[in-house]
Protein backbone atom coordinates (compact mmCIF):
# COMPACT_ATOMS: atom_id res chain seq x y z
CA MET A 1 -38.40 -3.76 -55.23
CA GLU A 2 -34.85 -2.53 -55.74
CA ARG A 3 -32.77 -4.82 -57.96
CA PRO A 4 -29.67 -6.17 -56.20
CA VAL A 5 -26.22 -5.11 -57.38
CA THR A 6 -25.05 -7.69 -59.91
CA ILE A 7 -21.46 -8.58 -60.79
CA GLU A 8 -21.06 -10.44 -64.05
CA ALA A 9 -18.21 -12.87 -64.77
CA ASP A 10 -17.42 -15.97 -66.76
CA LEU A 11 -16.46 -17.83 -63.61
CA ALA A 12 -17.28 -17.30 -59.94
CA VAL A 13 -14.64 -18.80 -57.63
CA VAL A 14 -15.60 -18.94 -53.96
CA GLY A 15 -12.58 -19.23 -51.68
CA ALA A 16 -9.10 -17.73 -52.02
CA GLY A 17 -6.85 -20.43 -50.65
CA GLY A 18 -4.41 -22.33 -52.82
CA ALA A 19 -7.13 -24.11 -54.79
CA GLY A 20 -9.24 -21.01 -55.43
CA LEU A 21 -6.31 -18.77 -56.34
CA TYR A 22 -4.82 -21.27 -58.78
CA THR A 23 -8.23 -21.95 -60.34
CA ALA A 24 -8.81 -18.21 -60.81
CA LEU A 25 -5.36 -17.63 -62.29
CA THR A 26 -5.73 -20.58 -64.66
CA ALA A 27 -9.09 -19.32 -65.89
CA ALA A 28 -7.81 -15.75 -66.24
CA ALA A 29 -4.81 -16.96 -68.24
CA ALA A 30 -7.33 -18.51 -70.67
CA GLY A 31 -8.95 -15.09 -71.09
CA ALA A 32 -11.88 -15.51 -68.71
CA ARG A 33 -13.34 -12.85 -66.45
CA VAL A 34 -13.22 -14.19 -62.89
CA ALA A 35 -14.97 -13.03 -59.72
CA LEU A 36 -12.92 -14.31 -56.77
CA VAL A 37 -14.93 -14.32 -53.54
CA SER A 38 -12.81 -14.31 -50.38
CA ALA A 39 -14.22 -14.31 -46.86
CA THR A 40 -10.94 -12.84 -45.58
CA PRO A 41 -8.36 -10.47 -46.99
CA LEU A 42 -6.21 -12.27 -49.57
CA ALA A 43 -3.47 -14.55 -48.18
CA GLU A 44 -5.31 -15.18 -44.92
CA SER A 45 -6.98 -18.46 -45.95
CA SER A 46 -6.50 -21.91 -44.44
CA SER A 47 -3.84 -22.56 -47.08
CA TYR A 48 -1.82 -19.72 -45.53
CA TRP A 49 -1.33 -21.85 -42.43
CA ALA A 50 -0.46 -25.08 -44.26
CA GLN A 51 2.88 -26.38 -42.99
CA GLY A 52 3.12 -29.37 -45.30
CA GLY A 53 4.43 -29.15 -48.83
CA LEU A 54 3.47 -30.53 -52.20
CA ALA A 55 3.94 -34.21 -52.95
CA ALA A 56 5.30 -34.86 -56.43
CA ALA A 57 7.54 -37.50 -58.01
CA LEU A 58 10.53 -35.33 -58.88
CA ALA A 59 13.49 -37.35 -57.62
CA ILE A 60 15.59 -39.59 -59.85
CA ASP A 61 14.67 -42.64 -57.78
CA ASP A 62 10.96 -41.76 -57.77
CA SER A 63 8.15 -42.04 -60.30
CA PRO A 64 4.42 -41.27 -60.59
CA GLU A 65 3.82 -45.02 -60.33
CA ARG A 66 5.63 -45.18 -57.00
CA HIS A 67 3.75 -42.12 -55.74
CA LEU A 68 0.53 -43.82 -56.87
CA GLU A 69 1.39 -46.97 -54.94
CA ASP A 70 1.96 -44.97 -51.74
CA THR A 71 -1.31 -43.08 -52.26
CA LEU A 72 -3.26 -46.30 -52.71
CA THR A 73 -1.63 -47.89 -49.67
CA SER A 74 -2.55 -44.93 -47.45
CA GLY A 75 -6.10 -44.83 -48.83
CA ARG A 76 -6.90 -48.22 -47.26
CA GLY A 77 -8.75 -49.71 -50.20
CA THR A 78 -11.11 -46.84 -51.03
CA THR A 79 -8.91 -44.55 -53.12
CA LYS A 80 -10.42 -43.87 -56.53
CA LEU A 81 -7.70 -45.12 -58.87
CA SER A 82 -8.35 -42.65 -61.68
CA ALA A 83 -8.19 -39.69 -59.28
CA ALA A 84 -4.92 -40.93 -57.80
CA GLN A 85 -3.46 -41.44 -61.27
CA ALA A 86 -4.41 -37.89 -62.27
CA LEU A 87 -2.77 -36.50 -59.13
CA THR A 88 0.45 -38.46 -59.31
CA ASN A 89 0.91 -37.99 -63.05
CA GLU A 90 0.25 -34.24 -63.06
CA ALA A 91 1.79 -33.12 -59.75
CA PRO A 92 5.34 -32.68 -61.14
CA ASP A 93 4.08 -30.33 -63.87
CA VAL A 94 2.13 -28.34 -61.27
CA VAL A 95 5.30 -27.80 -59.23
CA HIS A 96 7.07 -26.48 -62.33
CA ASP A 97 4.12 -24.22 -63.15
CA LEU A 98 4.15 -22.76 -59.64
CA GLU A 99 7.86 -22.04 -60.10
CA ARG A 100 6.99 -20.28 -63.36
CA LEU A 101 4.49 -18.18 -61.41
CA GLY A 102 7.23 -17.09 -59.04
CA VAL A 103 6.96 -19.53 -56.13
CA HIS A 104 10.47 -20.23 -54.83
CA PHE A 105 10.75 -23.74 -53.45
CA ASP A 106 13.55 -24.74 -51.11
CA ALA A 107 16.70 -25.98 -52.83
CA ASP A 108 19.83 -27.81 -51.74
CA ARG A 109 23.37 -26.48 -52.08
CA ARG A 110 23.49 -27.52 -55.74
CA GLY A 111 20.33 -25.64 -56.57
CA ARG A 112 18.16 -28.73 -56.88
CA LEU A 113 14.77 -28.96 -55.17
CA ALA A 114 15.19 -30.08 -51.56
CA LEU A 115 12.79 -32.98 -51.12
CA GLY A 116 11.40 -33.96 -47.72
CA LEU A 117 10.13 -37.27 -46.37
CA GLU A 118 6.78 -37.65 -44.61
CA GLY A 119 4.71 -40.50 -43.22
CA GLY A 120 3.42 -42.98 -45.79
CA HIS A 121 5.90 -41.94 -48.49
CA SER A 122 8.48 -44.50 -49.58
CA VAL A 123 10.95 -41.88 -50.84
CA ARG A 124 11.64 -38.17 -50.44
CA ARG A 125 9.13 -36.29 -52.62
CA ILE A 126 7.81 -33.30 -50.62
CA VAL A 127 8.73 -29.85 -51.89
CA HIS A 128 8.56 -26.97 -49.42
CA ALA A 129 8.85 -23.21 -49.62
CA GLY A 130 10.46 -21.73 -46.53
CA GLY A 131 10.38 -25.05 -44.69
CA SER A 132 7.14 -25.26 -42.74
CA ALA A 133 5.96 -21.90 -44.17
CA THR A 134 4.97 -23.42 -47.53
CA GLY A 135 1.32 -22.39 -47.34
CA ARG A 136 2.28 -18.83 -46.46
CA ARG A 137 4.78 -18.51 -49.32
CA VAL A 138 2.53 -20.04 -51.98
CA SER A 139 -0.58 -18.12 -50.88
CA ARG A 140 1.31 -14.84 -50.75
CA GLN A 141 2.66 -15.20 -54.28
CA LEU A 142 -0.58 -16.39 -55.86
CA SER A 143 -2.52 -13.67 -54.01
CA ALA A 144 -0.22 -11.02 -55.41
CA LEU A 145 -0.70 -12.35 -58.92
CA ALA A 146 -4.49 -12.47 -58.54
CA ALA A 147 -4.64 -8.94 -57.14
CA ALA A 148 -2.62 -7.63 -60.10
CA ASP A 149 -4.60 -9.46 -62.79
CA ASP A 150 -7.11 -7.17 -64.52
CA ARG A 151 -9.27 -10.18 -65.44
CA ILE A 152 -9.80 -11.13 -61.78
CA GLU A 153 -12.16 -9.06 -59.65
CA VAL A 154 -11.28 -9.81 -56.05
CA LEU A 155 -14.22 -9.50 -53.64
CA GLU A 156 -12.50 -9.47 -50.26
CA GLU A 157 -14.33 -9.92 -46.97
CA SER A 158 -17.32 -11.31 -48.83
CA ARG A 159 -19.16 -14.53 -48.07
CA ALA A 160 -21.28 -16.59 -50.43
CA THR A 161 -24.60 -17.44 -48.79
CA ALA A 162 -26.28 -19.34 -51.62
CA VAL A 163 -25.64 -20.83 -55.06
CA LEU A 164 -27.81 -19.25 -57.76
CA THR A 165 -29.46 -21.66 -60.18
CA LEU A 166 -31.12 -21.33 -63.57
CA ASP A 167 -32.75 -24.13 -65.55
CA GLY A 168 -31.28 -26.79 -63.28
CA ARG A 169 -27.68 -25.53 -63.31
CA ALA A 170 -25.49 -23.30 -61.17
CA ALA A 171 -25.47 -19.71 -62.37
CA GLY A 172 -23.58 -17.72 -59.73
CA VAL A 173 -23.71 -16.96 -56.02
CA ARG A 174 -25.44 -14.58 -53.65
CA LEU A 175 -23.15 -12.69 -51.26
CA HIS A 176 -23.83 -11.87 -47.62
CA ASP A 177 -24.58 -8.23 -48.43
CA GLY A 178 -27.18 -9.07 -51.07
CA ARG A 179 -24.99 -8.63 -54.15
CA LEU A 180 -25.25 -11.28 -56.84
CA VAL A 181 -22.35 -12.73 -58.80
CA VAL A 182 -23.72 -14.13 -62.06
CA ALA A 183 -21.50 -16.54 -63.99
CA ARG A 184 -21.78 -19.48 -66.32
CA ALA A 185 -20.02 -21.69 -63.79
CA VAL A 186 -19.25 -21.65 -60.06
CA VAL A 187 -16.18 -23.21 -58.45
CA LEU A 188 -16.32 -23.77 -54.69
CA ALA A 189 -12.88 -23.77 -53.08
CA THR A 190 -13.96 -23.03 -49.53
CA GLY A 191 -11.75 -25.43 -47.57
CA GLY A 192 -12.63 -28.21 -45.20
CA ALA A 193 -14.60 -28.80 -42.04
CA ALA A 194 -12.16 -30.06 -39.40
CA ALA A 195 -12.77 -27.01 -37.18
CA MET A 196 -16.20 -28.50 -36.44
CA TRP A 197 -14.42 -30.74 -33.92
CA SER A 198 -13.59 -29.09 -30.60
CA ARG A 199 -9.91 -29.99 -30.83
CA SER A 200 -8.64 -29.07 -34.27
CA THR A 201 -5.55 -27.79 -36.05
CA ASN A 202 -7.72 -25.74 -38.42
CA PRO A 203 -8.59 -22.04 -38.29
CA VAL A 204 -12.03 -21.35 -36.83
CA GLY A 205 -13.69 -20.76 -40.19
CA ALA A 206 -13.06 -24.27 -41.54
CA THR A 207 -16.56 -25.52 -40.80
CA GLY A 208 -17.78 -26.84 -44.13
CA SER A 209 -19.52 -23.73 -45.48
CA GLY A 210 -18.99 -24.73 -49.11
CA MET A 211 -20.30 -28.22 -48.49
CA LEU A 212 -23.53 -26.77 -47.12
CA LEU A 213 -23.81 -24.33 -50.05
CA ALA A 214 -23.54 -27.26 -52.47
CA GLN A 215 -25.88 -29.51 -50.50
CA ARG A 216 -28.57 -26.81 -50.28
CA ALA A 217 -28.30 -26.33 -54.04
CA GLY A 218 -28.92 -30.05 -54.58
CA ALA A 219 -25.39 -31.42 -55.05
CA ALA A 220 -24.28 -34.71 -53.48
CA LEU A 221 -21.71 -34.96 -50.68
CA ALA A 222 -19.48 -37.96 -50.06
CA ASP A 223 -17.27 -39.60 -47.39
CA LEU A 224 -18.15 -37.20 -44.58
CA GLU A 225 -17.24 -39.87 -42.02
CA MET A 226 -13.62 -39.81 -43.20
CA VAL A 227 -11.95 -37.19 -41.01
CA GLN A 228 -8.21 -37.40 -40.53
CA PHE A 229 -6.76 -36.73 -37.09
CA HIS A 230 -3.20 -35.42 -37.03
CA PRO A 231 -1.08 -37.15 -34.38
CA THR A 232 1.18 -34.25 -33.41
CA ALA A 233 -0.82 -31.20 -32.38
CA VAL A 234 0.58 -29.40 -29.32
CA ALA A 235 -1.44 -30.23 -26.21
CA GLY A 236 -2.07 -28.23 -23.04
CA VAL A 237 0.32 -25.35 -23.75
CA ASP A 238 -1.03 -21.81 -23.53
CA GLY A 239 -0.33 -19.94 -26.73
CA ALA A 240 0.23 -23.07 -28.80
CA ASP A 241 -2.57 -25.48 -27.92
CA SER A 242 -3.60 -27.46 -31.03
CA PHE A 243 -0.74 -25.93 -33.02
CA LEU A 244 0.24 -28.51 -35.63
CA VAL A 245 3.84 -29.66 -35.60
CA THR A 246 4.38 -30.66 -39.20
CA GLU A 247 4.88 -34.30 -40.07
CA ALA A 248 8.11 -33.30 -41.81
CA VAL A 249 9.87 -33.14 -38.43
CA ARG A 250 9.28 -36.87 -38.07
CA GLY A 251 10.56 -37.31 -41.61
CA GLU A 252 13.79 -35.74 -40.39
CA GLY A 253 14.01 -38.09 -37.41
CA ALA A 254 11.84 -36.71 -34.58
CA LEU A 255 10.50 -39.44 -32.28
CA LEU A 256 7.31 -40.05 -30.32
CA LEU A 257 7.96 -41.09 -26.73
CA ASP A 258 5.75 -42.26 -23.87
CA ALA A 259 6.01 -41.12 -20.26
CA ASP A 260 8.94 -43.51 -19.74
CA GLY A 261 10.83 -42.07 -22.66
CA GLU A 262 10.22 -45.13 -24.85
CA ARG A 263 9.25 -45.18 -28.50
CA PHE A 264 5.90 -46.88 -29.05
CA VAL A 265 5.18 -46.44 -32.78
CA ASP A 266 6.92 -46.18 -36.14
CA GLU A 267 6.66 -42.43 -36.64
CA LEU A 268 6.52 -42.72 -40.43
CA LEU A 269 3.45 -44.92 -40.65
CA PRO A 270 0.43 -43.27 -42.33
CA ARG A 271 -1.36 -40.73 -40.13
CA ASP A 272 -4.34 -42.86 -39.21
CA ALA A 273 -2.08 -45.52 -37.68
CA VAL A 274 0.10 -43.02 -35.79
CA SER A 275 -2.91 -41.12 -34.45
CA ARG A 276 -4.52 -44.31 -33.16
CA ALA A 277 -1.26 -45.38 -31.52
CA VAL A 278 -0.94 -42.02 -29.76
CA ALA A 279 -4.59 -42.04 -28.63
CA ARG A 280 -4.31 -45.58 -27.29
CA LYS A 281 -1.09 -44.79 -25.44
CA MET A 282 -2.83 -41.84 -23.78
CA ILE A 283 -5.75 -44.07 -22.73
CA GLU A 284 -3.37 -46.76 -21.49
CA THR A 285 -1.32 -44.36 -19.35
CA GLY A 286 -3.98 -41.79 -18.47
CA ALA A 287 -1.63 -39.07 -19.74
CA PRO A 288 -3.04 -36.03 -21.58
CA SER A 289 -0.30 -36.21 -24.23
CA VAL A 290 2.84 -37.98 -25.41
CA GLY A 291 6.25 -36.44 -26.03
CA LEU A 292 7.58 -35.38 -29.43
CA ASP A 293 11.37 -35.45 -29.30
CA MET A 294 12.80 -32.88 -31.72
CA ARG A 295 16.05 -32.39 -29.82
CA ALA A 296 18.21 -33.89 -32.58
CA ILE A 297 16.53 -31.86 -35.33
CA ASP A 298 18.21 -28.79 -36.79
CA PRO A 299 15.88 -25.93 -35.73
CA ASP A 300 16.80 -23.99 -38.89
CA LEU A 301 14.89 -26.57 -40.92
CA PHE A 302 11.58 -25.60 -39.31
CA PRO A 303 11.78 -21.91 -38.34
CA ASN A 304 8.01 -21.44 -38.19
CA VAL A 305 7.47 -24.40 -35.85
CA VAL A 306 10.40 -23.48 -33.64
CA SER A 307 9.37 -19.82 -33.31
CA VAL A 308 5.79 -20.72 -32.29
CA LEU A 309 7.02 -23.24 -29.72
CA ARG A 310 9.55 -20.81 -28.26
CA ARG A 311 6.94 -18.06 -27.95
CA ALA A 312 4.88 -20.54 -25.94
CA GLY A 313 7.82 -21.24 -23.63
CA LEU A 314 9.05 -24.51 -25.18
CA ASP A 315 12.55 -24.99 -26.52
CA PRO A 316 12.48 -27.92 -28.97
CA THR A 317 16.27 -28.23 -28.78
CA ARG A 318 15.94 -29.13 -25.07
CA ASP A 319 12.32 -29.96 -24.26
CA LEU A 320 9.98 -32.74 -25.25
CA ILE A 321 6.93 -31.22 -26.94
CA PRO A 322 3.59 -32.45 -25.51
CA VAL A 323 1.39 -33.56 -28.41
CA ALA A 324 -1.94 -35.31 -28.92
CA PRO A 325 -4.20 -35.94 -31.93
CA ALA A 326 -6.51 -33.25 -33.28
CA ALA A 327 -8.99 -33.14 -36.15
CA HIS A 328 -7.03 -32.01 -39.17
CA TYR A 329 -8.43 -32.83 -42.60
CA MET A 330 -11.73 -33.96 -44.08
CA MET A 331 -11.29 -36.48 -46.87
CA GLY A 332 -14.99 -36.13 -47.70
CA GLY A 333 -16.79 -33.20 -49.24
CA ILE A 334 -18.71 -32.27 -52.37
CA ALA A 335 -18.75 -35.32 -54.64
CA THR A 336 -16.96 -34.49 -57.91
CA ASP A 337 -15.53 -36.14 -60.99
CA LEU A 338 -11.92 -35.75 -62.12
CA HIS A 339 -12.60 -32.25 -63.49
CA GLY A 340 -14.23 -30.92 -60.32
CA ARG A 341 -17.80 -31.29 -61.60
CA SER A 342 -20.37 -31.85 -58.88
CA THR A 343 -23.70 -33.58 -59.45
CA LEU A 344 -25.30 -30.16 -60.07
CA PRO A 345 -24.44 -28.97 -63.61
CA ALA A 346 -22.04 -26.00 -63.78
CA LEU A 347 -21.17 -26.32 -60.07
CA TYR A 348 -17.57 -27.35 -59.43
CA ALA A 349 -15.54 -27.95 -56.29
CA VAL A 350 -11.80 -28.19 -55.69
CA GLY A 351 -9.48 -28.54 -52.72
CA GLU A 352 -10.54 -29.79 -49.32
CA CYS A 353 -14.24 -29.00 -49.82
CA ALA A 354 -14.29 -31.50 -52.71
CA CYS A 355 -14.25 -35.29 -52.71
CA THR A 356 -12.83 -36.91 -55.84
CA GLY A 357 -12.07 -40.14 -53.99
CA LEU A 358 -8.35 -39.34 -54.18
CA HIS A 359 -7.69 -39.69 -50.46
CA GLY A 360 -9.82 -42.76 -49.84
CA ALA A 361 -10.02 -43.50 -46.13
CA ASN A 362 -6.74 -41.82 -45.20
CA ARG A 363 -4.97 -38.93 -46.94
CA LEU A 364 -1.32 -39.43 -47.79
CA ALA A 365 0.65 -36.54 -46.29
CA SER A 366 1.09 -33.51 -48.58
CA ASN A 367 -1.14 -34.87 -51.34
CA SER A 368 -3.67 -32.19 -50.40
CA LEU A 369 -1.75 -29.13 -51.61
CA SER A 370 -0.88 -30.98 -54.80
CA GLU A 371 -4.59 -31.80 -55.15
CA CYS A 372 -5.50 -28.11 -54.93
CA PHE A 373 -3.42 -27.29 -57.98
CA VAL A 374 -3.91 -30.41 -60.09
CA PHE A 375 -7.69 -30.38 -59.79
CA GLY A 376 -7.92 -26.59 -59.66
CA ARG A 377 -6.38 -26.44 -63.12
CA ARG A 378 -8.66 -29.22 -64.37
CA ALA A 379 -11.75 -27.51 -62.97
CA ALA A 380 -10.89 -24.14 -64.49
CA GLN A 381 -10.44 -25.67 -67.93
CA ALA A 382 -13.69 -27.65 -67.72
CA ALA A 383 -15.76 -24.82 -66.25
CA LEU A 384 -14.93 -22.50 -69.13
CA ASP A 385 -16.55 -24.97 -71.50
CA GLU A 386 -19.92 -24.43 -69.83
CA PRO A 387 -22.44 -22.68 -72.12
CA ALA A 388 -23.44 -19.07 -71.57
CA LEU A 389 -26.53 -18.36 -69.48
CA THR A 390 -29.78 -17.90 -71.36
CA GLY A 391 -31.65 -15.97 -68.70
CA THR A 392 -31.38 -14.21 -65.35
CA PRO A 393 -30.95 -16.43 -62.30
CA LEU A 394 -33.08 -15.77 -59.27
CA PRO A 395 -31.61 -16.14 -55.77
CA PRO A 396 -33.22 -18.65 -53.43
CA PRO A 397 -35.04 -17.35 -50.36
CA SER A 398 -32.69 -16.00 -47.71
CA SER A 399 -32.13 -18.22 -44.70
CA PRO A 400 -29.87 -17.70 -41.70
CA PRO A 401 -26.67 -19.76 -41.70
CA PRO A 402 -26.70 -22.67 -39.24
CA ARG A 403 -24.99 -22.06 -35.92
CA LEU A 404 -22.18 -24.38 -34.92
CA THR A 405 -22.24 -24.27 -31.13
CA ALA A 406 -19.52 -25.24 -28.69
CA ALA A 407 -21.80 -28.08 -27.59
CA SER A 408 -21.95 -29.42 -31.16
CA ARG A 409 -18.16 -29.28 -31.48
CA GLU A 410 -17.68 -31.13 -28.21
CA ALA A 411 -20.27 -33.71 -29.22
CA LEU A 412 -18.47 -34.37 -32.51
CA TRP A 413 -15.16 -34.77 -30.71
CA HIS A 414 -16.56 -37.28 -28.22
CA GLU A 415 -18.99 -39.18 -30.44
CA ALA A 416 -17.31 -39.00 -33.86
CA GLY A 417 -13.66 -38.82 -32.90
CA ILE A 418 -10.78 -41.18 -33.60
CA GLU A 419 -13.00 -44.07 -32.51
CA ARG A 420 -16.80 -44.08 -32.62
CA ASP A 421 -19.77 -46.44 -32.25
CA ALA A 422 -23.46 -46.52 -33.12
CA ASP A 423 -24.68 -45.39 -29.69
CA GLY A 424 -22.61 -42.23 -29.78
CA LEU A 425 -23.26 -41.48 -33.44
CA ARG A 426 -27.02 -41.74 -32.98
CA LYS A 427 -26.82 -38.94 -30.39
CA LEU A 428 -25.56 -36.64 -33.15
CA LEU A 429 -28.53 -37.28 -35.43
CA ASP A 430 -30.58 -34.75 -33.43
CA ASP A 431 -27.90 -32.04 -33.49
CA GLU A 432 -29.07 -28.60 -34.60
CA HIS A 433 -26.30 -28.30 -37.21
CA PRO A 434 -27.05 -30.06 -40.52
CA LEU A 435 -23.45 -31.01 -41.27
CA VAL A 436 -23.08 -32.64 -37.85
CA ARG A 437 -26.12 -34.74 -38.66
CA LEU A 438 -24.74 -35.70 -42.07
CA VAL A 439 -21.37 -36.70 -40.60
CA ALA A 440 -23.13 -38.94 -38.08
CA ALA A 441 -25.43 -40.49 -40.68
CA SER A 442 -22.49 -41.22 -42.97
CA ALA A 443 -20.49 -42.78 -40.13
CA LEU A 444 -23.45 -44.95 -39.16
CA ALA A 445 -23.84 -46.16 -42.74
CA ARG A 446 -20.25 -47.46 -42.92
CA GLU A 447 -20.35 -50.50 -40.64
CA GLU A 448 -16.65 -51.28 -40.60
CA SER A 449 -13.31 -49.85 -39.47
CA ARG A 450 -11.14 -48.47 -42.25
CA GLY A 451 -8.45 -45.78 -42.16
CA ALA A 452 -9.74 -42.65 -40.46
CA HIS A 453 -13.12 -44.27 -39.73
CA GLN A 454 -12.82 -46.57 -36.72
CA ARG A 455 -15.94 -48.23 -35.27
CA ARG A 456 -15.66 -49.93 -31.88
CA ASP A 457 -18.74 -51.98 -32.75
CA PHE A 458 -17.41 -52.96 -36.21
CA PRO A 459 -13.66 -53.26 -35.58
CA ARG A 460 -12.65 -54.95 -38.86
CA VAL A 461 -12.43 -53.98 -42.50
CA ASN A 462 -15.35 -55.22 -44.58
CA ALA A 463 -13.72 -56.25 -47.88
CA ASP A 464 -17.10 -56.00 -49.59
CA LEU A 465 -16.84 -52.21 -49.12
CA ASP A 466 -13.50 -51.86 -50.92
CA GLY A 467 -13.82 -48.97 -53.37
CA HIS A 468 -17.16 -47.86 -51.93
CA HIS A 469 -17.91 -44.28 -50.93
CA THR A 470 -20.65 -42.94 -48.69
CA VAL A 471 -22.81 -40.60 -50.78
CA VAL A 472 -25.61 -38.41 -49.43
CA THR A 473 -27.97 -36.28 -51.51
CA SER A 474 -30.44 -33.80 -50.02
CA ASP A 475 -32.19 -35.37 -47.03
CA ALA A 476 -31.94 -38.95 -48.31
CA ALA A 477 -30.17 -41.58 -46.23
CA PRO A 478 -26.51 -42.10 -47.18
CA SER A 479 -25.76 -44.91 -49.62
CA LEU A 480 -22.51 -46.78 -50.25
CA VAL A 481 -21.58 -46.42 -53.92
CA PHE A 482 -18.70 -48.04 -55.81
CA TRP A 483 -16.55 -45.43 -57.59
CA ARG A 484 -14.44 -46.56 -60.53
């Protein structure tokens, strides 16, 4: 039998979005050899499309403690305090490090960082690069640095199909073409799973591939029922349907209006509250959308948003923009500690595929990009402390990847959407896709309504579940575990 082609590295990083790129660059700067596995050409990841910025306490009237308070408030009683403290304390330094790496953040006329305001934040603390093109600017710069770094071997248009193990620890990954990447640690940075829902702001590939890789290797997943729905995704417009209109436009004063032109919600409430208000207004009126009024907003502040809307035939300086909620961000993922370690030794996860408990039941706007860099750096440093391999890992048997059908996506939208109940969730337990089943099982286990998880049959918060996270390992039933 012919031996597969083997690539050797100190660290295998799967995913080349913001989290994966920064993890790879951090490890390379420490002298490590890194194999960076990217399913797409560099700078075409989900991070590329991110319109939000990075949340960090940089203003004179701000502080990490104030950022922490806002994060805990948005998390609805399930934010892991230590994870939130790590994020809020280290985010300012991450912004400065990205500037050192050549990322140019937007500045005011005096040359100071221009800070934006978004829902759930008590002060202006969002840094952007090119307005709503932050993801594009950051990904482009970090991709260029990774491509030029001799210590990083970039494996473009390659997909990891399995985690290699040796003596009960991760030892690399198998690629779709049979090649093996052997490393003393693996970092999954594969993005989220919100594209599993039929209406989503995410690119089509965001279907939880890294979560399944980890789960098949024996790692625990957590909080899969916690899926955030963004309230302002364009609705019913050819060429822009489900396009996300960044929350920053509401921070600058854009309003949400009903069919009578009346405001019906405080636009700067956390996302879970605004999304529910929009969904309920649509049910109440029978309308397929509500109106986002950007007419008083300077279009030069959001060139990316304005250009997409105009190409679709909408002029935000004159027209109301039809919007409705869409699945946007999964707070759950691969259960990790504060250094990205999963429950499988030498397997790490960072970014949206990971679950540190930072976001609790509702992510605070723009904490996610900051999370990519704060925990990406932590994971890189910890992973390089893993001992060298003492043998040759063997790949697990090949198995075809699960198919996510249109029927499964529609079923998730209808039965595990903004509001769900036991009858609908039980229908998903027989779905052919394993992650659909795990989402449903996790949602059934949490018999309460909290943040992004709203049960019609359990409409109130259960205070006994404060600080508890839904953890699922292998095929065992989910359990609610208190995370300190």
